[in-house]
Amino acid sequence: MTRRRGVGELLLFVAASVIGIYAFGRGLAGFFGHPHADPLWLPVGFAALWILAKQMGRIQDRWPRRRPGRRPPTARGGRPATRAASGATGGTPPTTTSPTATSADRRRP
C-alpha cells in the first residue's frame, strides 16, 4: 500500500465514522427523549457502517502476518518465558501437607 492510499483509507475511515455517528444519533434520537427524531437518517448510518465493514475486511486481508515458526526475540536474549516457569501450569492444584477435616471426620469422637 502506498502512502497516498494509506492516507486515503484513513480519511475514508474518519469520514465514515463521523457520518455514521451523526446519522445514528439523529435517527435514534427518539429513543433518548428528543421529540424530533428523523428516522430517514438510519439508512445513512447503515451505509456508513457497511463502508466501515468493507474497509475492515479489505485491511484484514492485507495485514502483515508473522511467518509460522518464528518467534520474536526476548528482551534478555534468553528463552521466552513459559507458563510452567511462572507457576501457572493449569494442572492439579497444590495440596496442603495436612488433610483438611471433612464433615465425616468431625463426627468421629
PDB file of N, CA and C in Angstrom:
ATOM      1  N   MET A   1       0.854  -1.170   0.000  1.00  0.00           N
ATOM      2  CA  MET A   1       0.000   0.000   0.000  1.00  0.00           C
ATOM      3  C   MET A   1       0.901   1.235   0.000  1.00  0.00           C
ATOM      4  N   THR A   2       0.567   2.152  -0.857  1.00  0.00           N
ATOM      5  CA  THR A   2       1.350   3.374  -0.932  1.00  0.00           C
ATOM      6  C   THR A   2       0.922   4.339   0.171  1.00  0.00           C
ATOM      7  N   ARG A   3       1.742   5.326   0.383  1.00  0.00           N
ATOM      8  CA  ARG A   3       1.440   6.312   1.424  1.00  0.00           C
ATOM      9  C   ARG A   3       0.165   7.081   1.095  1.00  0.00           C
ATOM     10  N   ARG A   4      -0.018   7.430  -0.171  1.00  0.00           N
ATOM     11  CA  ARG A   4      -1.212   8.171  -0.583  1.00  0.00           C
ATOM     12  C   ARG A   4      -2.474   7.339  -0.359  1.00  0.00           C
ATOM     13  N   ARG A   5      -2.391   6.052  -0.692  1.00  0.00           N
ATOM     14  CA  ARG A   5      -3.559   5.190  -0.484  1.00  0.00           C
ATOM     15  C   ARG A   5      -3.834   5.004   1.012  1.00  0.00           C
ATOM     16  N   GLY A   6      -2.788   4.906   1.816  1.00  0.00           N
ATOM     17  CA  GLY A   6      -2.972   4.789   3.264  1.00  0.00           C
ATOM     18  C   GLY A   6      -3.648   6.015   3.847  1.00  0.00           C
ATOM     19  N   VAL A   7      -3.259   7.207   3.372  1.00  0.00           N
ATOM     20  CA  VAL A   7      -3.893   8.436   3.838  1.00  0.00           C
ATOM     21  C   VAL A   7      -5.351   8.467   3.390  1.00  0.00           C
ATOM     22  N   GLY A   8      -5.611   8.019   2.164  1.00  0.00           N
ATOM     23  CA  GLY A   8      -6.988   7.957   1.674  1.00  0.00           C
ATOM     24  C   GLY A   8      -7.846   7.011   2.498  1.00  0.00           C
ATOM     25  N   GLU A   9      -7.285   5.848   2.861  1.00  0.00           N
ATOM     26  CA  GLU A   9      -8.013   4.893   3.709  1.00  0.00           C
ATOM     27  C   GLU A   9      -8.326   5.502   5.074  1.00  0.00           C
ATOM     28  N   LEU A  10      -7.358   6.220   5.630  1.00  0.00           N
ATOM     29  CA  LEU A  10      -7.559   6.844   6.928  1.00  0.00           C
ATOM     30  C   LEU A  10      -8.647   7.913   6.853  1.00  0.00           C
ATOM     31  N   LEU A  11      -8.619   8.736   5.812  1.00  0.00           N
ATOM     32  CA  LEU A  11      -9.645   9.771   5.665  1.00  0.00           C
ATOM     33  C   LEU A  11     -11.027   9.163   5.435  1.00  0.00           C
ATOM     34  N   LEU A  12     -11.097   8.081   4.659  1.00  0.00           N
ATOM     35  CA  LEU A  12     -12.376   7.397   4.464  1.00  0.00           C
ATOM     36  C   LEU A  12     -12.899   6.835   5.774  1.00  0.00           C
ATOM     37  N   PHE A  13     -12.008   6.256   6.580  1.00  0.00           N
ATOM     38  CA  PHE A  13     -12.414   5.708   7.871  1.00  0.00           C
ATOM     39  C   PHE A  13     -12.953   6.805   8.787  1.00  0.00           C
ATOM     40  N   VAL A  14     -12.251   7.926   8.868  1.00  0.00           N
ATOM     41  CA  VAL A  14     -12.680   9.018   9.742  1.00  0.00           C
ATOM     42  C   VAL A  14     -14.006   9.601   9.254  1.00  0.00           C
ATOM     43  N   ALA A  15     -14.129   9.814   7.940  1.00  0.00           N
ATOM     44  CA  ALA A  15     -15.367  10.388   7.402  1.00  0.00           C
ATOM     45  C   ALA A  15     -16.553   9.460   7.612  1.00  0.00           C
ATOM     46  N   ALA A  16     -16.383   8.165   7.334  1.00  0.00           N
ATOM     47  CA  ALA A  16     -17.481   7.217   7.518  1.00  0.00           C
ATOM     48  C   ALA A  16     -17.851   7.103   8.992  1.00  0.00           C
ATOM     49  N   SER A  17     -16.875   7.174   9.882  1.00  0.00           N
ATOM     50  CA  SER A  17     -17.172   7.106  11.321  1.00  0.00           C
ATOM     51  C   SER A  17     -17.972   8.321  11.770  1.00  0.00           C
ATOM     52  N   VAL A  18     -17.547   9.504  11.351  1.00  0.00           N
ATOM     53  CA  VAL A  18     -18.250  10.725  11.756  1.00  0.00           C
ATOM     54  C   VAL A  18     -19.665  10.745  11.194  1.00  0.00           C
ATOM     55  N   ILE A  19     -19.806  10.406   9.925  1.00  0.00           N
ATOM     56  CA  ILE A  19     -21.143  10.390   9.314  1.00  0.00           C
ATOM     57  C   ILE A  19     -22.025   9.354   9.988  1.00  0.00           C
ATOM     58  N   GLY A  20     -21.481   8.189  10.273  1.00  0.00           N
ATOM     59  CA  GLY A  20     -22.269   7.140  10.930  1.00  0.00           C
ATOM     60  C   GLY A  20     -22.710   7.526  12.323  1.00  0.00           C
ATOM     61  N   ILE A  21     -21.824   8.119  13.093  1.00  0.00           N
ATOM     62  CA  ILE A  21     -22.183   8.537  14.455  1.00  0.00           C
ATOM     63  C   ILE A  21     -23.262   9.609  14.403  1.00  0.00           C
ATOM     64  N   TYR A  22     -23.094  10.580  13.510  1.00  0.00           N
ATOM     65  CA  TYR A  22     -24.087  11.654  13.386  1.00  0.00           C
ATOM     66  C   TYR A  22     -25.435  11.093  12.919  1.00  0.00           C
ATOM     67  N   ALA A  23     -25.399  10.184  11.919  1.00  0.00           N
ATOM     68  CA  ALA A  23     -26.638   9.629  11.370  1.00  0.00           C
ATOM     69  C   ALA A  23     -27.378   8.792  12.399  1.00  0.00           C
ATOM     70  N   PHE A  24     -26.671   7.942  13.124  1.00  0.00           N
ATOM     71  CA  PHE A  24     -27.350   7.134  14.148  1.00  0.00           C
ATOM     72  C   PHE A  24     -27.827   8.003  15.298  1.00  0.00           C
ATOM     73  N   GLY A  25     -27.100   9.058  15.609  1.00  0.00           N
ATOM     74  CA  GLY A  25     -27.563   9.982  16.644  1.00  0.00           C
ATOM     75  C   GLY A  25     -28.854  10.676  16.257  1.00  0.00           C
ATOM     76  N   ARG A  26     -28.945  11.119  15.002  1.00  0.00           N
ATOM     77  CA  ARG A  26     -30.163  11.778  14.529  1.00  0.00           C
ATOM     78  C   ARG A  26     -31.307  10.785  14.357  1.00  0.00           C
ATOM     79  N   GLY A  27     -31.001   9.594  13.849  1.00  0.00           N
ATOM     80  CA  GLY A  27     -32.043   8.609  13.579  1.00  0.00           C
ATOM     81  C   GLY A  27     -32.618   7.968  14.824  1.00  0.00           C
ATOM     82  N   LEU A  28     -31.834   7.812  15.853  1.00  0.00           N
ATOM     83  CA  LEU A  28     -32.288   7.156  17.089  1.00  0.00           C
ATOM     84  C   LEU A  28     -32.563   8.148  18.211  1.00  0.00           C
ATOM     85  N   ALA A  29     -32.673   9.427  17.897  1.00  0.00           N
ATOM     86  CA  ALA A  29     -32.870  10.445  18.934  1.00  0.00           C
ATOM     87  C   ALA A  29     -34.181  10.254  19.684  1.00  0.00           C
ATOM     88  N   GLY A  30     -35.188   9.699  19.050  1.00  0.00           N
ATOM     89  CA  GLY A  30     -36.478   9.481  19.715  1.00  0.00           C
ATOM     90  C   GLY A  30     -36.405   8.518  20.883  1.00  0.00           C
ATOM     91  N   PHE A  31     -35.468   7.604  20.846  1.00  0.00           N
ATOM     92  CA  PHE A  31     -35.300   6.658  21.952  1.00  0.00           C
ATOM     93  C   PHE A  31     -34.682   7.306  23.178  1.00  0.00           C
ATOM     94  N   PHE A  32     -34.092   8.475  22.997  1.00  0.00           N
ATOM     95  CA  PHE A  32     -33.389   9.130  24.089  1.00  0.00           C
ATOM     96  C   PHE A  32     -34.081  10.403  24.558  1.00  0.00           C
ATOM     97  N   GLY A  33     -35.363  10.524  24.291  1.00  0.00           N
ATOM     98  CA  GLY A  33     -36.138  11.623  24.833  1.00  0.00           C
ATOM     99  C   GLY A  33     -36.259  12.851  23.968  1.00  0.00           C
ATOM    100  N   HIS A  34     -35.656  12.863  22.810  1.00  0.00           N
ATOM    101  CA  HIS A  34     -35.785  14.019  21.923  1.00  0.00           C
ATOM    102  C   HIS A  34     -37.019  13.821  21.042  1.00  0.00           C
ATOM    103  N   PRO A  35     -37.919  14.779  21.010  1.00  0.00           N
ATOM    104  CA  PRO A  35     -39.174  14.577  20.290  1.00  0.00           C
ATOM    105  C   PRO A  35     -39.042  14.617  18.777  1.00  0.00           C
ATOM    106  N   HIS A  36     -37.981  15.139  18.212  1.00  0.00           N
ATOM    107  CA  HIS A  36     -37.884  15.305  16.770  1.00  0.00           C
ATOM    108  C   HIS A  36     -36.837  14.380  16.161  1.00  0.00           C
ATOM    109  N   ALA A  37     -37.047  13.100  16.293  1.00  0.00           N
ATOM    110  CA  ALA A  37     -36.139  12.131  15.687  1.00  0.00           C
ATOM    111  C   ALA A  37     -36.430  12.054  14.194  1.00  0.00           C
ATOM    112  N   ASP A  38     -35.419  11.820  13.419  1.00  0.00           N
ATOM    113  CA  ASP A  38     -35.574  11.726  11.972  1.00  0.00           C
ATOM    114  C   ASP A  38     -35.116  10.339  11.529  1.00  0.00           C
ATOM    115  N   PRO A  39     -36.041   9.386  11.375  1.00  0.00           N
ATOM    116  CA  PRO A  39     -35.639   8.019  11.022  1.00  0.00           C
ATOM    117  C   PRO A  39     -35.063   7.888   9.607  1.00  0.00           C
ATOM    118  N   LEU A  40     -35.149   8.942   8.802  1.00  0.00           N
ATOM    119  CA  LEU A  40     -34.555   8.876   7.462  1.00  0.00           C
ATOM    120  C   LEU A  40     -33.028   8.878   7.527  1.00  0.00           C
ATOM    121  N   TRP A  41     -32.444   9.205   8.686  1.00  0.00           N
ATOM    122  CA  TRP A  41     -31.005   9.165   8.851  1.00  0.00           C
ATOM    123  C   TRP A  41     -30.494   7.738   9.073  1.00  0.00           C
ATOM    124  N   LEU A  42     -31.383   6.807   9.437  1.00  0.00           N
ATOM    125  CA  LEU A  42     -30.939   5.437   9.717  1.00  0.00           C
ATOM    126  C   LEU A  42     -30.301   4.753   8.506  1.00  0.00           C
ATOM    127  N   PRO A  43     -30.872   4.855   7.300  1.00  0.00           N
ATOM    128  CA  PRO A  43     -30.169   4.239   6.156  1.00  0.00           C
ATOM    129  C   PRO A  43     -28.791   4.844   5.904  1.00  0.00           C
ATOM    130  N   VAL A  44     -28.627   6.127   6.190  1.00  0.00           N
ATOM    131  CA  VAL A  44     -27.308   6.753   6.040  1.00  0.00           C
ATOM    132  C   VAL A  44     -26.330   6.134   7.036  1.00  0.00           C
ATOM    133  N   GLY A  45     -26.798   5.905   8.264  1.00  0.00           N
ATOM    134  CA  GLY A  45     -25.946   5.275   9.278  1.00  0.00           C
ATOM    135  C   GLY A  45     -25.563   3.855   8.896  1.00  0.00           C
ATOM    136  N   PHE A  46     -26.523   3.100   8.352  1.00  0.00           N
ATOM    137  CA  PHE A  46     -26.214   1.734   7.946  1.00  0.00           C
ATOM    138  C   PHE A  46     -25.285   1.705   6.729  1.00  0.00           C
ATOM    139  N   ALA A  47     -25.410   2.682   5.842  1.00  0.00           N
ATOM    140  CA  ALA A  47     -24.486   2.770   4.709  1.00  0.00           C
ATOM    141  C   ALA A  47     -23.066   3.052   5.206  1.00  0.00           C
ATOM    142  N   ALA A  48     -22.930   3.939   6.184  1.00  0.00           N
ATOM    143  CA  ALA A  48     -21.608   4.220   6.752  1.00  0.00           C
ATOM    144  C   ALA A  48     -21.045   2.980   7.439  1.00  0.00           C
ATOM    145  N   LEU A  49     -21.901   2.235   8.140  1.00  0.00           N
ATOM    146  CA  LEU A  49     -21.465   1.006   8.798  1.00  0.00           C
ATOM    147  C   LEU A  49     -21.022  -0.028   7.765  1.00  0.00           C
ATOM    148  N   TRP A  50     -21.733  -0.091   6.647  1.00  0.00           N
ATOM    149  CA  TRP A  50     -21.363  -1.019   5.577  1.00  0.00           C
ATOM    150  C   TRP A  50     -20.007  -0.645   4.989  1.00  0.00           C
ATOM    151  N   ILE A  51     -19.763   0.640   4.780  1.00  0.00           N
ATOM    152  CA  ILE A  51     -18.471   1.097   4.257  1.00  0.00           C
ATOM    153  C   ILE A  51     -17.345   0.723   5.215  1.00  0.00           C
ATOM    154  N   LEU A  52     -17.581   0.924   6.514  1.00  0.00           N
ATOM    155  CA  LEU A  52     -16.553   0.564   7.509  1.00  0.00           C
ATOM    156  C   LEU A  52     -16.295  -0.933   7.517  1.00  0.00           C
ATOM    157  N   ALA A  53     -17.347  -1.738   7.393  1.00  0.00           N
ATOM    158  CA  ALA A  53     -17.168  -3.197   7.391  1.00  0.00           C
ATOM    159  C   ALA A  53     -16.386  -3.644   6.153  1.00  0.00           C
ATOM    160  N   LYS A  54     -16.685  -3.073   5.000  1.00  0.00           N
ATOM    161  CA  LYS A  54     -15.944  -3.424   3.788  1.00  0.00           C
ATOM    162  C   LYS A  54     -14.480  -3.005   3.903  1.00  0.00           C
ATOM    163  N   GLN A  55     -14.245  -1.845   4.480  1.00  0.00           N
ATOM    164  CA  GLN A  55     -12.871  -1.374   4.639  1.00  0.00           C
ATOM    165  C   GLN A  55     -12.108  -2.268   5.604  1.00  0.00           C
ATOM    166  N   MET A  56     -12.745  -2.681   6.695  1.00  0.00           N
ATOM    167  CA  MET A  56     -12.064  -3.551   7.654  1.00  0.00           C
ATOM    168  C   MET A  56     -11.734  -4.903   7.027  1.00  0.00           C
ATOM    169  N   GLY A  57     -12.629  -5.433   6.215  1.00  0.00           N
ATOM    170  CA  GLY A  57     -12.344  -6.694   5.538  1.00  0.00           C
ATOM    171  C   GLY A  57     -11.178  -6.575   4.577  1.00  0.00           C
ATOM    172  N   ARG A  58     -11.089  -5.464   3.878  1.00  0.00           N
ATOM    173  CA  ARG A  58     -10.007  -5.242   2.925  1.00  0.00           C
ATOM    174  C   ARG A  58      -8.673  -5.077   3.649  1.00  0.00           C
ATOM    175  N   ILE A  59      -8.681  -4.360   4.759  1.00  0.00           N
ATOM    176  CA  ILE A  59      -7.451  -4.150   5.509  1.00  0.00           C
ATOM    177  C   ILE A  59      -6.988  -5.444   6.172  1.00  0.00           C
ATOM    178  N   GLN A  60      -7.925  -6.253   6.655  1.00  0.00           N
ATOM    179  CA  GLN A  60      -7.557  -7.505   7.309  1.00  0.00           C
ATOM    180  C   GLN A  60      -6.909  -8.462   6.307  1.00  0.00           C
ATOM    181  N   ASP A  61      -7.353  -8.434   5.052  1.00  0.00           N
ATOM    182  CA  ASP A  61      -6.744  -9.292   4.040  1.00  0.00           C
ATOM    183  C   ASP A  61      -5.313  -8.891   3.751  1.00  0.00           C
ATOM    184  N   ARG A  62      -4.974  -7.632   3.908  1.00  0.00           N
ATOM    185  CA  ARG A  62      -3.626  -7.152   3.600  1.00  0.00           C
ATOM    186  C   ARG A  62      -2.750  -6.998   4.840  1.00  0.00           C
ATOM    187  N   TRP A  63      -3.228  -7.388   6.002  1.00  0.00           N
ATOM    188  CA  TRP A  63      -2.478  -7.211   7.238  1.00  0.00           C
ATOM    189  C   TRP A  63      -1.230  -8.074   7.207  1.00  0.00           C
ATOM    190  N   PRO A  64      -0.060  -7.541   7.565  1.00  0.00           N
ATOM    191  CA  PRO A  64       1.157  -8.370   7.533  1.00  0.00           C
ATOM    192  C   PRO A  64       1.088  -9.465   8.590  1.00  0.00           C
ATOM    193  N   ARG A  65       1.463 -10.649   8.183  1.00  0.00           N
ATOM    194  CA  ARG A  65       1.407 -11.786   9.094  1.00  0.00           C
ATOM    195  C   ARG A  65       2.822 -12.251   9.412  1.00  0.00           C
ATOM    196  N   ARG A  66       3.005 -12.741  10.623  1.00  0.00           N
ATOM    197  CA  ARG A  66       4.290 -13.280  11.044  1.00  0.00           C
ATOM    198  C   ARG A  66       4.442 -14.679  10.458  1.00  0.00           C
ATOM    199  N   ARG A  67       5.634 -14.999  10.025  1.00  0.00           N
ATOM    200  CA  ARG A  67       5.881 -16.321   9.476  1.00  0.00           C
ATOM    201  C   ARG A  67       5.704 -17.369  10.567  1.00  0.00           C
ATOM    202  N   PRO A  68       5.098 -18.502  10.264  1.00  0.00           N
ATOM    203  CA  PRO A  68       4.962 -19.540  11.282  1.00  0.00           C
ATOM    204  C   PRO A  68       6.323 -20.107  11.665  1.00  0.00           C
ATOM    205  N   GLY A  69       6.514 -20.347  12.930  1.00  0.00           N
ATOM    206  CA  GLY A  69       7.752 -20.922  13.413  1.00  0.00           C
ATOM    207  C   GLY A  69       8.765 -19.899  13.876  1.00  0.00           C
ATOM    208  N   ARG A  70       8.572 -18.642  13.570  1.00  0.00           N
ATOM    209  CA  ARG A  70       9.500 -17.602  14.029  1.00  0.00           C
ATOM    210  C   ARG A  70       8.932 -16.943  15.255  1.00  0.00           C
ATOM    211  N   ARG A  71       9.763 -16.774  16.241  1.00  0.00           N
ATOM    212  CA  ARG A  71       9.344 -16.094  17.462  1.00  0.00           C
ATOM    213  C   ARG A  71      10.099 -14.791  17.576  1.00  0.00           C
ATOM    214  N   PRO A  72       9.464 -13.779  18.142  1.00  0.00           N
ATOM    215  CA  PRO A  72      10.195 -12.523  18.328  1.00  0.00           C
ATOM    216  C   PRO A  72      11.287 -12.694  19.373  1.00  0.00           C
ATOM    217  N   PRO A  73      12.377 -11.947  19.273  1.00  0.00           N
ATOM    218  CA  PRO A  73      13.449 -12.071  20.271  1.00  0.00           C
ATOM    219  C   PRO A  73      12.972 -11.587  21.631  1.00  0.00           C
ATOM    220  N   THR A  74      13.493 -12.213  22.656  1.00  0.00           N
ATOM    221  CA  THR A  74      13.115 -11.817  24.011  1.00  0.00           C
ATOM    222  C   THR A  74      13.944 -10.626  24.446  1.00  0.00           C
ATOM    223  N   ALA A  75      13.526  -9.974  25.517  1.00  0.00           N
ATOM    224  CA  ALA A  75      14.201  -8.765  25.979  1.00  0.00           C
ATOM    225  C   ALA A  75      15.596  -9.076  26.523  1.00  0.00           C
ATOM    226  N   ARG A  76      15.758 -10.213  27.208  1.00  0.00           N
ATOM    227  CA  ARG A  76      17.046 -10.542  27.819  1.00  0.00           C
ATOM    228  C   ARG A  76      17.900 -11.429  26.929  1.00  0.00           C
ATOM    229  N   GLY A  77      17.347 -11.914  25.829  1.00  0.00           N
ATOM    230  CA  GLY A  77      18.120 -12.760  24.952  1.00  0.00           C
ATOM    231  C   GLY A  77      18.072 -14.228  25.318  1.00  0.00           C
ATOM    232  N   GLY A  78      17.391 -14.582  26.386  1.00  0.00           N
ATOM    233  CA  GLY A  78      17.293 -15.976  26.787  1.00  0.00           C
ATOM    234  C   GLY A  78      16.069 -16.631  26.187  1.00  0.00           C
ATOM    235  N   ARG A  79      15.685 -17.721  26.789  1.00  0.00           N
ATOM    236  CA  ARG A  79      14.487 -18.405  26.314  1.00  0.00           C
ATOM    237  C   ARG A  79      13.255 -17.618  26.719  1.00  0.00           C
ATOM    238  N   PRO A  80      12.196 -17.661  25.904  1.00  0.00           N
ATOM    239  CA  PRO A  80      10.971 -16.958  26.281  1.00  0.00           C
ATOM    240  C   PRO A  80      10.320 -17.636  27.484  1.00  0.00           C
ATOM    241  N   ALA A  81       9.692 -16.849  28.309  1.00  0.00           N
ATOM    242  CA  ALA A  81       9.042 -17.384  29.498  1.00  0.00           C
ATOM    243  C   ALA A  81       7.850 -18.235  29.100  1.00  0.00           C
ATOM    244  N   THR A  82       7.682 -19.332  29.810  1.00  0.00           N
ATOM    245  CA  THR A  82       6.545 -20.203  29.554  1.00  0.00           C
ATOM    246  C   THR A  82       5.622 -20.176  30.748  1.00  0.00           C
ATOM    247  N   ARG A  83       4.468 -20.769  30.565  1.00  0.00           N
ATOM    248  CA  ARG A  83       3.511 -20.809  31.672  1.00  0.00           C
ATOM    249  C   ARG A  83       4.034 -21.674  32.816  1.00  0.00           C
ATOM    250  N   ALA A  84       4.799 -22.707  32.487  1.00  0.00           N
ATOM    251  CA  ALA A  84       5.318 -23.581  33.529  1.00  0.00           C
ATOM    252  C   ALA A  84       6.315 -22.835  34.414  1.00  0.00           C
ATOM    253  N   ALA A  85       7.072 -21.926  33.817  1.00  0.00           N
ATOM    254  CA  ALA A  85       8.052 -21.180  34.601  1.00  0.00           C
ATOM    255  C   ALA A  85       7.386 -20.204  35.555  1.00  0.00           C
ATOM    256  N   SER A  86       6.193 -19.738  35.185  1.00  0.00           N
ATOM    257  CA  SER A  86       5.518 -18.774  36.042  1.00  0.00           C
ATOM    258  C   SER A  86       4.677 -19.450  37.117  1.00  0.00           C
ATOM    259  N   GLY A  87       4.544 -20.767  37.043  1.00  0.00           N
ATOM    260  CA  GLY A  87       3.774 -21.468  38.063  1.00  0.00           C
ATOM    261  C   GLY A  87       2.321 -21.684  37.672  1.00  0.00           C
ATOM    262  N   ALA A  88       1.875 -21.139  36.567  1.00  0.00           N
ATOM    263  CA  ALA A  88       0.501 -21.307  36.131  1.00  0.00           C
ATOM    264  C   ALA A  88       0.446 -22.413  35.091  1.00  0.00           C
ATOM    265  N   THR A  89       0.547 -23.650  35.544  1.00  0.00           N
ATOM    266  CA  THR A  89       0.618 -24.763  34.617  1.00  0.00           C
ATOM    267  C   THR A  89      -0.749 -25.252  34.208  1.00  0.00           C
ATOM    268  N   GLY A  90      -1.771 -24.967  34.962  1.00  0.00           N
ATOM    269  CA  GLY A  90      -3.092 -25.434  34.629  1.00  0.00           C
ATOM    270  C   GLY A  90      -3.324 -26.874  35.032  1.00  0.00           C
ATOM    271  N   GLY A  91      -2.417 -27.485  35.754  1.00  0.00           N
ATOM    272  CA  GLY A  91      -2.565 -28.868  36.188  1.00  0.00           C
ATOM    273  C   GLY A  91      -3.394 -28.948  37.464  1.00  0.00           C
ATOM    274  N   THR A  92      -3.035 -29.901  38.323  1.00  0.00           N
ATOM    275  CA  THR A  92      -3.767 -30.076  39.574  1.00  0.00           C
ATOM    276  C   THR A  92      -3.383 -28.968  40.551  1.00  0.00           C
ATOM    277  N   PRO A  93      -4.318 -28.580  41.396  1.00  0.00           N
ATOM    278  CA  PRO A  93      -3.990 -27.535  42.366  1.00  0.00           C
ATOM    279  C   PRO A  93      -3.015 -28.056  43.411  1.00  0.00           C
ATOM    280  N   PRO A  94      -2.262 -27.174  44.026  1.00  0.00           N
ATOM    281  CA  PRO A  94      -1.308 -27.628  45.045  1.00  0.00           C
ATOM    282  C   PRO A  94      -2.046 -28.192  46.253  1.00  0.00           C
ATOM    283  N   THR A  95      -1.440 -29.191  46.872  1.00  0.00           N
ATOM    284  CA  THR A  95      -2.053 -29.811  48.045  1.00  0.00           C
ATOM    285  C   THR A  95      -1.362 -29.310  49.305  1.00  0.00           C
ATOM    286  N   THR A  96      -2.089 -29.378  50.396  1.00  0.00           N
ATOM    287  CA  THR A  96      -1.500 -28.981  51.674  1.00  0.00           C
ATOM    288  C   THR A  96      -0.846 -30.187  52.316  1.00  0.00           C
ATOM    289  N   THR A  97      -0.005 -29.950  53.309  1.00  0.00           N
ATOM    290  CA  THR A  97       0.692 -31.062  53.965  1.00  0.00           C
ATOM    291  C   THR A  97      -0.234 -31.838  54.884  1.00  0.00           C
ATOM    292  N   SER A  98      -1.196 -31.175  55.485  1.00  0.00           N
ATOM    293  CA  SER A  98      -2.135 -31.884  56.353  1.00  0.00           C
ATOM    294  C   SER A  98      -3.508 -31.864  55.693  1.00  0.00           C
ATOM    295  N   PRO A  99      -4.204 -33.003  55.744  1.00  0.00           N
ATOM    296  CA  PRO A  99      -5.523 -33.045  55.108  1.00  0.00           C
ATOM    297  C   PRO A  99      -6.518 -32.176  55.886  1.00  0.00           C
ATOM    298  N   THR A 100      -7.439 -31.625  55.180  1.00  0.00           N
ATOM    299  CA  THR A 100      -8.464 -30.825  55.842  1.00  0.00           C
ATOM    300  C   THR A 100      -9.548 -31.736  56.381  1.00  0.00           C
ATOM    301  N   ALA A 101     -10.175 -31.297  57.429  1.00  0.00           N
ATOM    302  CA  ALA A 101     -11.223 -32.103  58.057  1.00  0.00           C
ATOM    303  C   ALA A 101     -12.492 -32.020  57.244  1.00  0.00           C
ATOM    304  N   THR A 102     -13.103 -33.181  57.037  1.00  0.00           N
ATOM    305  CA  THR A 102     -14.391 -33.218  56.342  1.00  0.00           C
ATOM    306  C   THR A 102     -15.488 -33.365  57.369  1.00  0.00           C
ATOM    307  N   SER A 103     -16.722 -33.313  56.924  1.00  0.00           N
ATOM    308  CA  SER A 103     -17.832 -33.453  57.872  1.00  0.00           C
ATOM    309  C   SER A 103     -17.839 -34.844  58.494  1.00  0.00           C
ATOM    310  N   ALA A 104     -17.395 -35.879  57.748  1.00  0.00           N
ATOM    311  CA  ALA A 104     -17.341 -37.224  58.311  1.00  0.00           C
ATOM    312  C   ALA A 104     -16.270 -37.297  59.403  1.00  0.00           C
ATOM    313  N   ASP A 105     -15.148 -36.610  59.241  1.00  0.00           N
ATOM    314  CA  ASP A 105     -14.106 -36.606  60.263  1.00  0.00           C
ATOM    315  C   ASP A 105     -14.537 -35.889  61.513  1.00  0.00           C
ATOM    316  N   ARG A 106     -15.353 -34.885  61.381  1.00  0.00           N
ATOM    317  CA  ARG A 106     -15.795 -34.107  62.559  1.00  0.00           C
ATOM    318  C   ARG A 106     -16.774 -34.894  63.412  1.00  0.00           C
ATOM    319  N   ARG A 107     -17.501 -35.824  62.814  1.00  0.00           N
ATOM    320  CA  ARG A 107     -18.467 -36.593  63.595  1.00  0.00           C
ATOM    321  C   ARG A 107     -17.817 -37.695  64.424  1.00  0.00           C
ATOM    322  N   ARG A 108     -16.628 -38.122  64.084  1.00  0.00           N
ATOM    323  CA  ARG A 108     -15.967 -39.181  64.837  1.00  0.00           C
ATOM    324  C   ARG A 108     -15.466 -38.632  66.173  1.00  0.00           C
ATOM    325  N   PRO A 109     -15.644 -39.412  67.256  1.00  0.00           N
ATOM    326  CA  PRO A 109     -15.156 -38.944  68.577  1.00  0.00           C
ATOM    327  C   PRO A 109     -13.674 -39.124  68.753  1.00  0.00           C
TER     328      PRO A 109
END
